[in-house]
Amino acid sequence: MKIPPHSIEAERWVLWSILLDKEGMFQVSPLLIEADFYDPNNGLIYGAMMDLFTRNKPIDILTIREHLDDRQNLEKIGGNTYLI
C-alpha cells in the first residue's frame, strides 16, 4: 500500500497560520475539510476550528482546547501539550 504524500509540519503551519491570522479561516475553509489532514490530531484540531468558525466563535488556543475537551478529544490528541 502506497502512503499518500503528506507533511505533518505543513499541517501544523496551516493550523498556526489560522491562529495568527483570524481572516485565514475565510481563505482555508473552502479548501480543506477535517479528513484532508493526514495526522488525525491535526484533523481534530482543524475540525474544532471549523466548528468554532461556523458558529462565529473566536478561534484561539483556549476555545479550541475547550471544544476538544467538551467532545472528549483533548486526550486523543495528547492533551494540552500537543496544542502548544
C-alpha atoms as a PDB file:
ATOM      1  CA  MET A   1       0.000   0.000   0.000  1.00  0.00           C
ATOM      2  CA  LYS A   2       1.411   3.356  -1.031  1.00  0.00           C
ATOM      3  CA  ILE A   3       1.422   6.148   1.565  1.00  0.00           C
ATOM      4  CA  PRO A   4      -0.164   9.332   0.208  1.00  0.00           C
ATOM      5  CA  PRO A   5       2.005  12.454   0.088  1.00  0.00           C
ATOM      6  CA  HIS A   6       1.837  14.345   3.352  1.00  0.00           C
ATOM      7  CA  SER A   7       3.661  16.802   5.570  1.00  0.00           C
ATOM      8  CA  ILE A   8       2.656  16.910   9.198  1.00  0.00           C
ATOM      9  CA  GLU A   9       4.801  20.024   9.609  1.00  0.00           C
ATOM     10  CA  ALA A  10       2.857  21.774   6.828  1.00  0.00           C
ATOM     11  CA  GLU A  11      -0.404  20.760   8.504  1.00  0.00           C
ATOM     12  CA  ARG A  12       0.779  22.330  11.756  1.00  0.00           C
ATOM     13  CA  TRP A  13       1.720  25.517   9.871  1.00  0.00           C
ATOM     14  CA  VAL A  14      -1.796  25.713   8.435  1.00  0.00           C
ATOM     15  CA  LEU A  15      -3.270  25.438  11.934  1.00  0.00           C
ATOM     16  CA  TRP A  16      -0.877  28.042  13.363  1.00  0.00           C
ATOM     17  CA  SER A  17      -1.497  30.418  10.477  1.00  0.00           C
ATOM     18  CA  ILE A  18      -5.214  30.321  11.274  1.00  0.00           C
ATOM     19  CA  LEU A  19      -4.435  31.151  14.903  1.00  0.00           C
ATOM     20  CA  LEU A  20      -2.163  34.030  13.909  1.00  0.00           C
ATOM     21  CA  ASP A  21      -4.455  35.499  11.251  1.00  0.00           C
ATOM     22  CA  LYS A  22      -8.132  35.283  12.112  1.00  0.00           C
ATOM     23  CA  GLU A  23      -9.038  36.042   8.489  1.00  0.00           C
ATOM     24  CA  GLY A  24      -7.128  32.932   7.450  1.00  0.00           C
ATOM     25  CA  MET A  25     -10.118  30.724   8.146  1.00  0.00           C
ATOM     26  CA  PHE A  26     -12.055  32.528   5.427  1.00  0.00           C
ATOM     27  CA  GLN A  27      -9.342  31.537   2.953  1.00  0.00           C
ATOM     28  CA  VAL A  28      -8.775  27.983   4.153  1.00  0.00           C
ATOM     29  CA  SER A  29     -12.312  26.801   4.946  1.00  0.00           C
ATOM     30  CA  PRO A  30     -13.483  26.464   1.319  1.00  0.00           C
ATOM     31  CA  LEU A  31     -10.384  24.378   0.514  1.00  0.00           C
ATOM     32  CA  LEU A  32      -9.940  21.988   3.446  1.00  0.00           C
ATOM     33  CA  ILE A  33     -12.034  19.583   5.466  1.00  0.00           C
ATOM     34  CA  GLU A  34     -11.036  17.689   8.598  1.00  0.00           C
ATOM     35  CA  ALA A  35     -10.482  14.467   6.624  1.00  0.00           C
ATOM     36  CA  ASP A  36      -7.858  16.176   4.430  1.00  0.00           C
ATOM     37  CA  PHE A  37      -5.352  16.076   7.288  1.00  0.00           C
ATOM     38  CA  TYR A  38      -3.013  13.081   7.300  1.00  0.00           C
ATOM     39  CA  ASP A  39      -2.381  13.393  11.038  1.00  0.00           C
ATOM     40  CA  PRO A  40      -5.672  12.668  12.842  1.00  0.00           C
ATOM     41  CA  ASN A  41      -4.659  15.002  15.697  1.00  0.00           C
ATOM     42  CA  ASN A  42      -4.333  17.896  13.275  1.00  0.00           C
ATOM     43  CA  GLY A  43      -7.652  16.919  11.726  1.00  0.00           C
ATOM     44  CA  LEU A  44      -9.373  17.049  15.117  1.00  0.00           C
ATOM     45  CA  ILE A  45      -7.896  20.477  15.799  1.00  0.00           C
ATOM     46  CA  TYR A  46      -8.952  21.751  12.381  1.00  0.00           C
ATOM     47  CA  GLY A  47     -12.422  20.275  12.923  1.00  0.00           C
ATOM     48  CA  ALA A  48     -12.675  22.214  16.187  1.00  0.00           C
ATOM     49  CA  MET A  49     -11.560  25.377  14.394  1.00  0.00           C
ATOM     50  CA  MET A  50     -14.159  24.834  11.669  1.00  0.00           C
ATOM     51  CA  ASP A  51     -16.917  24.288  14.203  1.00  0.00           C
ATOM     52  CA  LEU A  52     -15.963  27.448  16.090  1.00  0.00           C
ATOM     53  CA  PHE A  53     -15.745  29.350  12.798  1.00  0.00           C
ATOM     54  CA  THR A  54     -19.172  28.233  11.577  1.00  0.00           C
ATOM     55  CA  ARG A  55     -20.676  29.205  14.942  1.00  0.00           C
ATOM     56  CA  ASN A  56     -18.965  32.609  14.736  1.00  0.00           C
ATOM     57  CA  LYS A  57     -16.947  31.924  17.902  1.00  0.00           C
ATOM     58  CA  PRO A  58     -13.383  33.125  18.480  1.00  0.00           C
ATOM     59  CA  ILE A  59     -10.651  30.741  17.370  1.00  0.00           C
ATOM     60  CA  ASP A  60      -7.819  30.679  19.894  1.00  0.00           C
ATOM     61  CA  ILE A  61      -5.962  28.122  21.979  1.00  0.00           C
ATOM     62  CA  LEU A  62      -8.444  28.382  24.852  1.00  0.00           C
ATOM     63  CA  THR A  63     -11.590  27.948  22.745  1.00  0.00           C
ATOM     64  CA  ILE A  64     -10.023  25.106  20.761  1.00  0.00           C
ATOM     65  CA  ARG A  65      -8.942  23.376  23.974  1.00  0.00           C
ATOM     66  CA  GLU A  66     -12.414  23.752  25.469  1.00  0.00           C
ATOM     67  CA  HIS A  67     -14.067  22.490  22.277  1.00  0.00           C
ATOM     68  CA  LEU A  68     -11.820  19.420  22.146  1.00  0.00           C
ATOM     69  CA  ASP A  69     -12.257  18.721  25.862  1.00  0.00           C
ATOM     70  CA  ASP A  70     -16.059  19.000  25.656  1.00  0.00           C
ATOM     71  CA  ARG A  71     -16.035  16.306  22.957  1.00  0.00           C
ATOM     72  CA  GLN A  72     -13.515  14.042  24.737  1.00  0.00           C
ATOM     73  CA  ASN A  73     -10.958  14.735  22.002  1.00  0.00           C
ATOM     74  CA  LEU A  74      -8.370  16.621  24.047  1.00  0.00           C
ATOM     75  CA  GLU A  75      -6.773  13.458  25.419  1.00  0.00           C
ATOM     76  CA  LYS A  76      -6.973  11.805  21.980  1.00  0.00           C
ATOM     77  CA  ILE A  77      -4.590  14.425  20.586  1.00  0.00           C
ATOM     78  CA  GLY A  78      -2.180  14.136  23.512  1.00  0.00           C
ATOM     79  CA  GLY A  79      -3.624  16.778  25.807  1.00  0.00           C
ATOM     80  CA  ASN A  80      -2.643  20.406  26.206  1.00  0.00           C
ATOM     81  CA  THR A  81       0.949  19.672  25.213  1.00  0.00           C
ATOM     82  CA  TYR A  82       0.004  18.961  21.593  1.00  0.00           C
ATOM     83  CA  LEU A  83      -1.816  22.290  21.311  1.00  0.00           C
ATOM     84  CA  ILE A  84       1.238  24.370  22.196  1.00  0.00           C
END
